[in-house]
PDB file of all heavy atoms in Angstrom:
ATOM      1  N   SER A   1       0.572   6.681  -3.587  1.00  0.00           N
ATOM      2  CA  SER A   1       0.128   8.088  -3.803  1.00  0.00           C
ATOM      3  C   SER A   1       1.013   9.050  -3.023  1.00  0.00           C
ATOM      4  O   SER A   1       0.761  10.218  -2.975  1.00  0.00           O
ATOM      5  CB  SER A   1      -1.365   8.329  -3.556  1.00  0.00           C
ATOM      6  OG  SER A   1      -1.547   7.886  -2.168  1.00  0.00           O
ATOM      7  N   GLY A   2       2.017   8.540  -2.312  1.00  0.00           N
ATOM      8  CA  GLY A   2       2.959   9.323  -1.523  1.00  0.00           C
ATOM      9  C   GLY A   2       2.645   9.181  -0.098  1.00  0.00           C
ATOM     10  O   GLY A   2       1.725   8.575   0.382  1.00  0.00           O
ATOM     11  N   CYS A   3       3.467   9.891   0.682  1.00  0.00           N
ATOM     12  CA  CYS A   3       3.293   9.897   2.204  1.00  0.00           C
ATOM     13  C   CYS A   3       2.490  11.071   2.587  1.00  0.00           C
ATOM     14  O   CYS A   3       1.813  11.059   3.667  1.00  0.00           O
ATOM     15  CB  CYS A   3       4.578   9.949   2.883  1.00  0.00           C
ATOM     16  SG  CYS A   3       5.643  11.370   2.514  1.00  0.00           S
ATOM     17  N   THR A   4       2.347  12.113   1.696  1.00  0.00           N
ATOM     18  CA  THR A   4       1.370  13.165   1.802  1.00  0.00           C
ATOM     19  C   THR A   4       0.788  13.425   0.404  1.00  0.00           C
ATOM     20  O   THR A   4       1.192  12.731  -0.543  1.00  0.00           O
ATOM     21  CB  THR A   4       1.971  14.499   2.326  1.00  0.00           C
ATOM     22  OG1 THR A   4       2.849  15.024   1.290  1.00  0.00           O
ATOM     23  CG2 THR A   4       2.827  14.221   3.628  1.00  0.00           C
ATOM     24  N   ALA A   5       0.025  14.462   0.265  1.00  0.00           N
ATOM     25  CA  ALA A   5      -0.568  14.756  -1.096  1.00  0.00           C
ATOM     26  C   ALA A   5       0.529  15.192  -2.043  1.00  0.00           C
ATOM     27  O   ALA A   5       0.311  15.038  -3.267  1.00  0.00           O
ATOM     28  CB  ALA A   5      -1.578  15.875  -0.866  1.00  0.00           C
ATOM     29  N   SER A   6       1.668  15.665  -1.598  1.00  0.00           N
ATOM     30  CA  SER A   6       2.675  16.172  -2.541  1.00  0.00           C
ATOM     31  C   SER A   6       4.076  15.600  -2.363  1.00  0.00           C
ATOM     32  O   SER A   6       4.985  15.913  -3.132  1.00  0.00           O
ATOM     33  CB  SER A   6       2.802  17.689  -2.399  1.00  0.00           C
ATOM     34  OG  SER A   6       3.130  18.101  -1.105  1.00  0.00           O
ATOM     35  N   THR A   7       4.244  14.729  -1.287  1.00  0.00           N
ATOM     36  CA  THR A   7       5.629  14.236  -1.071  1.00  0.00           C
ATOM     37  C   THR A   7       5.581  12.716  -1.002  1.00  0.00           C
ATOM     38  O   THR A   7       4.557  12.100  -0.783  1.00  0.00           O
ATOM     39  CB  THR A   7       6.143  14.798   0.313  1.00  0.00           C
ATOM     40  OG1 THR A   7       5.291  14.423   1.369  1.00  0.00           O
ATOM     41  CG2 THR A   7       6.344  16.299   0.244  1.00  0.00           C
ATOM     42  N   TYR A   8       6.840  12.126  -1.177  1.00  0.00           N
ATOM     43  CA  TYR A   8       6.967  10.717  -1.122  1.00  0.00           C
ATOM     44  C   TYR A   8       7.720  10.190   0.073  1.00  0.00           C
ATOM     45  O   TYR A   8       7.541   9.076   0.521  1.00  0.00           O
ATOM     46  CB  TYR A   8       7.683  10.244  -2.352  1.00  0.00           C
ATOM     47  CG  TYR A   8       7.845   8.713  -2.428  1.00  0.00           C
ATOM     48  CD1 TYR A   8       6.838   7.854  -2.756  1.00  0.00           C
ATOM     49  CD2 TYR A   8       9.186   8.120  -2.123  1.00  0.00           C
ATOM     50  CE1 TYR A   8       7.031   6.469  -2.817  1.00  0.00           C
ATOM     51  CE2 TYR A   8       9.298   6.716  -2.131  1.00  0.00           C
ATOM     52  CZ  TYR A   8       8.206   6.000  -2.469  1.00  0.00           C
ATOM     53  OH  TYR A   8       8.424   4.603  -2.497  1.00  0.00           O
ATOM     54  N   CYS A   9       8.546  11.051   0.737  1.00  0.00           N
ATOM     55  CA  CYS A   9       9.381  10.621   1.905  1.00  0.00           C
ATOM     56  C   CYS A   9      10.285   9.512   1.605  1.00  0.00           C
ATOM     57  O   CYS A   9      10.288   8.459   2.222  1.00  0.00           O
ATOM     58  CB  CYS A   9       8.447  10.314   3.048  1.00  0.00           C
ATOM     59  SG  CYS A   9       7.288  11.569   3.515  1.00  0.00           S
ATOM     60  N   PRO A  10      11.183   9.688   0.565  1.00  0.00           N
ATOM     61  CA  PRO A  10      12.066   8.624   0.128  1.00  0.00           C
ATOM     62  C   PRO A  10      13.052   8.073   1.170  1.00  0.00           C
ATOM     63  O   PRO A  10      13.462   6.838   1.066  1.00  0.00           O
ATOM     64  CB  PRO A  10      12.823   9.204  -1.066  1.00  0.00           C
ATOM     65  CG  PRO A  10      12.833  10.647  -0.801  1.00  0.00           C
ATOM     66  CD  PRO A  10      11.498  10.912  -0.078  1.00  0.00           C
ATOM     67  N   ASN A  11      13.362   8.848   2.179  1.00  0.00           N
ATOM     68  CA  ASN A  11      14.365   8.439   3.211  1.00  0.00           C
ATOM     69  C   ASN A  11      13.744   7.808   4.480  1.00  0.00           C
ATOM     70  O   ASN A  11      14.393   7.318   5.321  1.00  0.00           O
ATOM     71  CB  ASN A  11      15.194   9.575   3.641  1.00  0.00           C
ATOM     72  CG  ASN A  11      16.059  10.154   2.429  1.00  0.00           C
ATOM     73  OD1 ASN A  11      16.535   9.346   1.580  1.00  0.00           O
ATOM     74  ND2 ASN A  11      16.125  11.514   2.358  1.00  0.00           N
ATOM     75  N   ASP A  12      12.346   7.801   4.515  1.00  0.00           N
ATOM     76  CA  ASP A  12      11.686   7.247   5.678  1.00  0.00           C
ATOM     77  C   ASP A  12      11.734   5.743   5.597  1.00  0.00           C
ATOM     78  O   ASP A  12      11.662   5.161   4.496  1.00  0.00           O
ATOM     79  CB  ASP A  12      10.236   7.711   5.698  1.00  0.00           C
ATOM     80  CG  ASP A  12      10.048   9.074   6.161  1.00  0.00           C
ATOM     81  OD1 ASP A  12      11.109   9.830   6.464  1.00  0.00           O
ATOM     82  OD2 ASP A  12       8.879   9.546   6.263  1.00  0.00           O
ATOM     83  N   PRO A  13      11.837   5.074   6.726  1.00  0.00           N
ATOM     84  CA  PRO A  13      11.790   3.601   6.778  1.00  0.00           C
ATOM     85  C   PRO A  13      10.415   3.081   6.371  1.00  0.00           C
ATOM     86  O   PRO A  13       9.426   3.770   6.727  1.00  0.00           O
ATOM     87  CB  PRO A  13      12.194   3.215   8.156  1.00  0.00           C
ATOM     88  CG  PRO A  13      11.848   4.393   8.995  1.00  0.00           C
ATOM     89  CD  PRO A  13      12.032   5.607   8.105  1.00  0.00           C
ATOM     90  N   VAL A  14      10.307   1.915   5.734  1.00  0.00           N
ATOM     91  CA  VAL A  14       9.008   1.364   5.372  1.00  0.00           C
ATOM     92  C   VAL A  14       8.544   0.443   6.521  1.00  0.00           C
ATOM     93  O   VAL A  14       9.298  -0.352   7.041  1.00  0.00           O
ATOM     94  CB  VAL A  14       9.186   0.493   4.084  1.00  0.00           C
ATOM     95  CG1 VAL A  14       7.854  -0.136   3.768  1.00  0.00           C
ATOM     96  CG2 VAL A  14       9.683   1.282   2.964  1.00  0.00           C
ATOM     97  N   THR A  15       7.333   0.646   6.970  1.00  0.00           N
ATOM     98  CA  THR A  15       6.811  -0.203   7.945  1.00  0.00           C
ATOM     99  C   THR A  15       6.206  -1.530   7.278  1.00  0.00           C
ATOM    100  O   THR A  15       5.951  -1.566   6.113  1.00  0.00           O
ATOM    101  CB  THR A  15       5.585   0.445   8.737  1.00  0.00           C
ATOM    102  OG1 THR A  15       4.515   0.608   7.834  1.00  0.00           O
ATOM    103  CG2 THR A  15       6.040   1.805   9.292  1.00  0.00           C
ATOM    104  N   ARG A  16       5.988  -2.549   8.147  1.00  0.00           N
ATOM    105  CA  ARG A  16       5.455  -3.813   7.629  1.00  0.00           C
ATOM    106  C   ARG A  16       4.067  -3.598   7.090  1.00  0.00           C
ATOM    107  O   ARG A  16       3.639  -4.295   6.178  1.00  0.00           O
ATOM    108  CB  ARG A  16       5.481  -4.799   8.728  1.00  0.00           C
ATOM    109  CG  ARG A  16       6.954  -5.330   9.076  1.00  0.00           C
ATOM    110  CD  ARG A  16       6.948  -6.213  10.354  1.00  0.00           C
ATOM    111  NE  ARG A  16       6.033  -7.361  10.224  1.00  0.00           N
ATOM    112  CZ  ARG A  16       6.391  -8.547   9.694  1.00  0.00           C
ATOM    113  NH1 ARG A  16       7.645  -8.720   9.187  1.00  0.00           N
ATOM    114  NH2 ARG A  16       5.533  -9.535   9.646  1.00  0.00           N
ATOM    115  N   GLY A  17       3.353  -2.660   7.651  1.00  0.00           N
ATOM    116  CA  GLY A  17       1.934  -2.451   7.189  1.00  0.00           C
ATOM    117  C   GLY A  17       1.993  -1.766   5.797  1.00  0.00           C
ATOM    118  O   GLY A  17       1.249  -2.187   4.889  1.00  0.00           O
ATOM    119  N   GLN A  18       2.831  -0.796   5.662  1.00  0.00           N
ATOM    120  CA  GLN A  18       2.943  -0.096   4.336  1.00  0.00           C
ATOM    121  C   GLN A  18       3.478  -1.068   3.273  1.00  0.00           C
ATOM    122  O   GLN A  18       2.973  -1.065   2.144  1.00  0.00           O
ATOM    123  CB  GLN A  18       3.970   1.040   4.479  1.00  0.00           C
ATOM    124  CG  GLN A  18       3.489   2.213   5.341  1.00  0.00           C
ATOM    125  CD  GLN A  18       4.581   3.235   5.646  1.00  0.00           C
ATOM    126  OE1 GLN A  18       5.787   2.901   5.519  1.00  0.00           O
ATOM    127  NE2 GLN A  18       4.227   4.396   6.101  1.00  0.00           N
ATOM    128  N   MET A  19       4.411  -1.884   3.674  1.00  0.00           N
ATOM    129  CA  MET A  19       4.991  -2.844   2.744  1.00  0.00           C
ATOM    130  C   MET A  19       3.955  -3.757   2.181  1.00  0.00           C
ATOM    131  O   MET A  19       3.934  -4.099   1.005  1.00  0.00           O
ATOM    132  CB  MET A  19       6.093  -3.649   3.443  1.00  0.00           C
ATOM    133  CG  MET A  19       6.772  -4.771   2.618  1.00  0.00           C
ATOM    134  SD  MET A  19       5.844  -6.297   2.702  1.00  0.00           S
ATOM    135  CE  MET A  19       5.776  -6.548   4.511  1.00  0.00           C
ATOM    136  N   ALA A  20       2.999  -4.179   3.010  1.00  0.00           N
ATOM    137  CA  ALA A  20       1.895  -5.107   2.594  1.00  0.00           C
ATOM    138  C   ALA A  20       1.073  -4.424   1.497  1.00  0.00           C
ATOM    139  O   ALA A  20       0.710  -5.056   0.508  1.00  0.00           O
ATOM    140  CB  ALA A  20       1.048  -5.480   3.824  1.00  0.00           C
ATOM    141  N   VAL A  21       0.821  -3.159   1.632  1.00  0.00           N
ATOM    142  CA  VAL A  21      -0.030  -2.418   0.668  1.00  0.00           C
ATOM    143  C   VAL A  21       0.746  -2.356  -0.706  1.00  0.00           C
ATOM    144  O   VAL A  21       0.184  -2.722  -1.702  1.00  0.00           O
ATOM    145  CB  VAL A  21      -0.260  -0.950   1.183  1.00  0.00           C
ATOM    146  CG1 VAL A  21      -1.070  -0.183   0.086  1.00  0.00           C
ATOM    147  CG2 VAL A  21      -1.079  -1.012   2.462  1.00  0.00           C
ATOM    148  N   PHE A  22       2.059  -2.053  -0.603  1.00  0.00           N
ATOM    149  CA  PHE A  22       2.827  -1.901  -1.893  1.00  0.00           C
ATOM    150  C   PHE A  22       2.932  -3.285  -2.610  1.00  0.00           C
ATOM    151  O   PHE A  22       2.836  -3.337  -3.801  1.00  0.00           O
ATOM    152  CB  PHE A  22       4.180  -1.364  -1.577  1.00  0.00           C
ATOM    153  CG  PHE A  22       4.214   0.020  -0.958  1.00  0.00           C
ATOM    154  CD1 PHE A  22       5.049   0.341   0.072  1.00  0.00           C
ATOM    155  CD2 PHE A  22       3.354   1.030  -1.481  1.00  0.00           C
ATOM    156  CE1 PHE A  22       5.073   1.653   0.633  1.00  0.00           C
ATOM    157  CE2 PHE A  22       3.403   2.266  -0.992  1.00  0.00           C
ATOM    158  CZ  PHE A  22       4.212   2.613   0.063  1.00  0.00           C
ATOM    159  N   ILE A  23       3.204  -4.321  -1.773  1.00  0.00           N
ATOM    160  CA  ILE A  23       3.379  -5.708  -2.420  1.00  0.00           C
ATOM    161  C   ILE A  23       2.093  -6.139  -3.017  1.00  0.00           C
ATOM    162  O   ILE A  23       2.043  -6.617  -4.194  1.00  0.00           O
ATOM    163  CB  ILE A  23       3.849  -6.682  -1.391  1.00  0.00           C
ATOM    164  CG1 ILE A  23       5.294  -6.335  -0.905  1.00  0.00           C
ATOM    165  CG2 ILE A  23       3.833  -8.125  -1.925  1.00  0.00           C
ATOM    166  CD1 ILE A  23       6.353  -6.661  -2.027  1.00  0.00           C
ATOM    167  N   VAL A  24       1.000  -6.027  -2.367  1.00  0.00           N
ATOM    168  CA  VAL A  24      -0.302  -6.558  -2.898  1.00  0.00           C
ATOM    169  C   VAL A  24      -0.760  -5.712  -4.076  1.00  0.00           C
ATOM    170  O   VAL A  24      -1.225  -6.302  -5.062  1.00  0.00           O
ATOM    171  CB  VAL A  24      -1.396  -6.537  -1.708  1.00  0.00           C
ATOM    172  CG1 VAL A  24      -2.762  -6.832  -2.333  1.00  0.00           C
ATOM    173  CG2 VAL A  24      -0.996  -7.573  -0.701  1.00  0.00           C
ATOM    174  N   ARG A  25      -0.632  -4.425  -4.002  1.00  0.00           N
ATOM    175  CA  ARG A  25      -1.018  -3.556  -5.167  1.00  0.00           C
ATOM    176  C   ARG A  25      -0.103  -3.924  -6.410  1.00  0.00           C
ATOM    177  O   ARG A  25      -0.649  -4.062  -7.517  1.00  0.00           O
ATOM    178  CB  ARG A  25      -0.849  -2.118  -4.832  1.00  0.00           C
ATOM    179  CG  ARG A  25      -2.016  -1.545  -4.028  1.00  0.00           C
ATOM    180  CD  ARG A  25      -1.783  -0.059  -3.754  1.00  0.00           C
ATOM    181  NE  ARG A  25      -2.815   0.506  -2.946  1.00  0.00           N
ATOM    182  CZ  ARG A  25      -2.737   1.777  -2.406  1.00  0.00           C
ATOM    183  NH1 ARG A  25      -1.694   2.464  -2.476  1.00  0.00           N
ATOM    184  NH2 ARG A  25      -3.793   2.167  -1.657  1.00  0.00           N
ATOM    185  N   ALA A  26       1.189  -4.096  -6.163  1.00  0.00           N
ATOM    186  CA  ALA A  26       2.088  -4.447  -7.293  1.00  0.00           C
ATOM    187  C   ALA A  26       1.703  -5.846  -7.812  1.00  0.00           C
ATOM    188  O   ALA A  26       1.705  -5.965  -9.021  1.00  0.00           O
ATOM    189  CB  ALA A  26       3.536  -4.366  -6.781  1.00  0.00           C
ATOM    190  N   ARG A  27       1.423  -6.785  -7.032  1.00  0.00           N
ATOM    191  CA  ARG A  27       1.228  -8.202  -7.495  1.00  0.00           C
ATOM    192  C   ARG A  27      -0.024  -8.204  -8.345  1.00  0.00           C
ATOM    193  O   ARG A  27      -0.080  -8.918  -9.361  1.00  0.00           O
ATOM    194  CB  ARG A  27       1.127  -9.105  -6.347  1.00  0.00           C
ATOM    195  CG  ARG A  27       0.916 -10.558  -6.686  1.00  0.00           C
ATOM    196  CD  ARG A  27       0.756 -11.439  -5.465  1.00  0.00           C
ATOM    197  NE  ARG A  27       0.498 -12.818  -5.808  1.00  0.00           N
ATOM    198  CZ  ARG A  27       1.419 -13.758  -5.764  1.00  0.00           C
ATOM    199  NH1 ARG A  27       2.668 -13.559  -5.416  1.00  0.00           N
ATOM    200  NH2 ARG A  27       1.073 -15.055  -6.045  1.00  0.00           N
ATOM    201  N   PHE A  28      -1.096  -7.557  -7.937  1.00  0.00           N
ATOM    202  CA  PHE A  28      -2.405  -7.596  -8.622  1.00  0.00           C
ATOM    203  C   PHE A  28      -2.731  -6.454  -9.534  1.00  0.00           C
ATOM    204  O   PHE A  28      -3.774  -6.440 -10.114  1.00  0.00           O
ATOM    205  CB  PHE A  28      -3.536  -7.771  -7.587  1.00  0.00           C
ATOM    206  CG  PHE A  28      -3.493  -9.079  -6.790  1.00  0.00           C
ATOM    207  CD1 PHE A  28      -3.080  -9.116  -5.485  1.00  0.00           C
ATOM    208  CD2 PHE A  28      -3.763 -10.263  -7.420  1.00  0.00           C
ATOM    209  CE1 PHE A  28      -2.964 -10.326  -4.800  1.00  0.00           C
ATOM    210  CE2 PHE A  28      -3.739 -11.431  -6.710  1.00  0.00           C
ATOM    211  CZ  PHE A  28      -3.299 -11.498  -5.411  1.00  0.00           C
ATOM    212  N   GLY A  29      -1.787  -5.514  -9.660  1.00  0.00           N
ATOM    213  CA  GLY A  29      -2.039  -4.349 -10.495  1.00  0.00           C
ATOM    214  C   GLY A  29      -3.185  -3.469 -10.041  1.00  0.00           C
ATOM    215  O   GLY A  29      -3.921  -2.941 -10.835  1.00  0.00           O
ATOM    216  N   LEU A  30      -3.248  -3.279  -8.683  1.00  0.00           N
ATOM    217  CA  LEU A  30      -4.278  -2.440  -8.058  1.00  0.00           C
ATOM    218  C   LEU A  30      -3.814  -1.006  -7.929  1.00  0.00           C
ATOM    219  O   LEU A  30      -2.652  -0.762  -7.838  1.00  0.00           O
ATOM    220  CB  LEU A  30      -4.601  -3.039  -6.748  1.00  0.00           C
ATOM    221  CG  LEU A  30      -5.117  -4.475  -6.692  1.00  0.00           C
ATOM    222  CD1 LEU A  30      -5.262  -4.966  -5.201  1.00  0.00           C
ATOM    223  CD2 LEU A  30      -6.455  -4.617  -7.376  1.00  0.00           C
ATOM    224  N   THR A  31      -4.773  -0.123  -7.898  1.00  0.00           N
ATOM    225  CA  THR A  31      -4.383   1.230  -7.626  1.00  0.00           C
ATOM    226  C   THR A  31      -5.208   1.671  -6.381  1.00  0.00           C
ATOM    227  O   THR A  31      -6.051   0.905  -5.871  1.00  0.00           O
ATOM    228  CB  THR A  31      -4.861   2.171  -8.785  1.00  0.00           C
ATOM    229  OG1 THR A  31      -6.247   2.037  -9.010  1.00  0.00           O
ATOM    230  CG2 THR A  31      -4.070   1.866 -10.065  1.00  0.00           C
ATOM    231  N   ALA A  32      -4.802   2.843  -5.813  1.00  0.00           N
ATOM    232  CA  ALA A  32      -5.447   3.314  -4.564  1.00  0.00           C
ATOM    233  C   ALA A  32      -6.899   3.332  -4.711  1.00  0.00           C
ATOM    234  O   ALA A  32      -7.495   3.810  -5.716  1.00  0.00           O
ATOM    235  CB  ALA A  32      -4.922   4.672  -4.266  1.00  0.00           C
ATOM    236  N   GLY A  33      -7.659   2.779  -3.714  1.00  0.00           N
ATOM    237  CA  GLY A  33      -9.126   2.780  -3.738  1.00  0.00           C
ATOM    238  C   GLY A  33      -9.688   1.442  -4.258  1.00  0.00           C
ATOM    239  O   GLY A  33     -10.899   1.203  -3.967  1.00  0.00           O
ATOM    240  N   GLN A  34      -8.951   0.690  -4.970  1.00  0.00           N
ATOM    241  CA  GLN A  34      -9.504  -0.537  -5.468  1.00  0.00           C
ATOM    242  C   GLN A  34      -9.511  -1.611  -4.385  1.00  0.00           C
ATOM    243  O   GLN A  34      -8.608  -1.722  -3.599  1.00  0.00           O
ATOM    244  CB  GLN A  34      -8.593  -1.113  -6.669  1.00  0.00           C
ATOM    245  CG  GLN A  34      -8.848  -0.319  -7.967  1.00  0.00           C
ATOM    246  CD  GLN A  34      -8.140  -1.000  -9.113  1.00  0.00           C
ATOM    247  OE1 GLN A  34      -6.927  -0.948  -9.178  1.00  0.00           O
ATOM    248  NE2 GLN A  34      -8.823  -1.579 -10.055  1.00  0.00           N
ATOM    249  N   THR A  35     -10.557  -2.413  -4.379  1.00  0.00           N
ATOM    250  CA  THR A  35     -10.743  -3.442  -3.372  1.00  0.00           C
ATOM    251  C   THR A  35     -10.539  -4.830  -3.956  1.00  0.00           C
ATOM    252  O   THR A  35     -10.523  -5.020  -5.192  1.00  0.00           O
ATOM    253  CB  THR A  35     -12.152  -3.310  -2.717  1.00  0.00           C
ATOM    254  OG1 THR A  35     -13.144  -3.477  -3.771  1.00  0.00           O
ATOM    255  CG2 THR A  35     -12.412  -1.991  -2.128  1.00  0.00           C
ATOM    256  N   PHE A  36     -10.433  -5.825  -3.071  1.00  0.00           N
ATOM    257  CA  PHE A  36     -10.214  -7.152  -3.476  1.00  0.00           C
ATOM    258  C   PHE A  36     -10.664  -8.082  -2.334  1.00  0.00           C
ATOM    259  O   PHE A  36     -10.788  -7.670  -1.176  1.00  0.00           O
ATOM    260  CB  PHE A  36      -8.738  -7.428  -3.790  1.00  0.00           C
ATOM    261  CG  PHE A  36      -7.837  -6.963  -2.662  1.00  0.00           C
ATOM    262  CD1 PHE A  36      -7.463  -7.799  -1.620  1.00  0.00           C
ATOM    263  CD2 PHE A  36      -7.351  -5.666  -2.663  1.00  0.00           C
ATOM    264  CE1 PHE A  36      -6.705  -7.377  -0.583  1.00  0.00           C
ATOM    265  CE2 PHE A  36      -6.506  -5.221  -1.619  1.00  0.00           C
ATOM    266  CZ  PHE A  36      -6.178  -6.100  -0.610  1.00  0.00           C
ATOM    267  N   PRO A  37     -10.977  -9.320  -2.637  1.00  0.00           N
ATOM    268  CA  PRO A  37     -11.497 -10.245  -1.534  1.00  0.00           C
ATOM    269  C   PRO A  37     -10.372 -10.671  -0.683  1.00  0.00           C
ATOM    270  O   PRO A  37      -9.167 -10.904  -1.114  1.00  0.00           O
ATOM    271  CB  PRO A  37     -12.015 -11.438  -2.413  1.00  0.00           C
ATOM    272  CG  PRO A  37     -11.276 -11.434  -3.668  1.00  0.00           C
ATOM    273  CD  PRO A  37     -11.066  -9.945  -3.980  1.00  0.00           C
ATOM    274  N   ALA A  38     -10.656 -10.735   0.623  1.00  0.00           N
ATOM    275  CA  ALA A  38      -9.680 -11.158   1.665  1.00  0.00           C
ATOM    276  C   ALA A  38     -10.513 -11.752   2.792  1.00  0.00           C
ATOM    277  O   ALA A  38     -11.626 -11.373   3.022  1.00  0.00           O
ATOM    278  CB  ALA A  38      -8.780 -10.062   2.048  1.00  0.00           C
ATOM    279  N   GLY A  39      -9.893 -12.589   3.585  1.00  0.00           N
ATOM    280  CA  GLY A  39     -10.629 -13.219   4.658  1.00  0.00           C
ATOM    281  C   GLY A  39     -11.099 -12.197   5.637  1.00  0.00           C
ATOM    282  O   GLY A  39     -10.422 -11.178   5.962  1.00  0.00           O
ATOM    283  N   MET A  40     -12.290 -12.430   6.136  1.00  0.00           N
ATOM    284  CA  MET A  40     -12.875 -11.427   7.071  1.00  0.00           C
ATOM    285  C   MET A  40     -12.443 -11.646   8.533  1.00  0.00           C
ATOM    286  O   MET A  40     -12.409 -10.671   9.313  1.00  0.00           O
ATOM    287  CB  MET A  40     -14.422 -11.547   6.986  1.00  0.00           C
ATOM    288  CG  MET A  40     -14.988 -11.249   5.634  1.00  0.00           C
ATOM    289  SD  MET A  40     -14.673  -9.556   5.103  1.00  0.00           S
ATOM    290  CE  MET A  40     -15.648  -8.637   6.348  1.00  0.00           C
ATOM    291  N   ALA A  41     -12.139 -12.839   8.925  1.00  0.00           N
ATOM    292  CA  ALA A  41     -11.737 -13.124  10.302  1.00  0.00           C
ATOM    293  C   ALA A  41     -10.217 -12.793  10.440  1.00  0.00           C
ATOM    294  O   ALA A  41      -9.409 -13.402   9.656  1.00  0.00           O
ATOM    295  CB  ALA A  41     -11.950 -14.598  10.695  1.00  0.00           C
ATOM    296  N   PRO A  42      -9.786 -11.894  11.326  1.00  0.00           N
ATOM    297  CA  PRO A  42      -8.393 -11.584  11.395  1.00  0.00           C
ATOM    298  C   PRO A  42      -7.467 -12.700  11.614  1.00  0.00           C
ATOM    299  O   PRO A  42      -7.697 -13.600  12.478  1.00  0.00           O
ATOM    300  CB  PRO A  42      -8.382 -10.599  12.563  1.00  0.00           C
ATOM    301  CG  PRO A  42      -9.739 -10.065  12.693  1.00  0.00           C
ATOM    302  CD  PRO A  42     -10.618 -11.179  12.249  1.00  0.00           C
TER     303      PRO A  42
END
């Protein structure tokens, strides 16, 4: 949904945390706000 409500920040480096969100959403066809099962213990 962007880095802000109106921008994407195309030149910013991607963090490993952000990358996880993008990869998982892409793999499972998820959109922002959708949940999925994942292990509870870190």
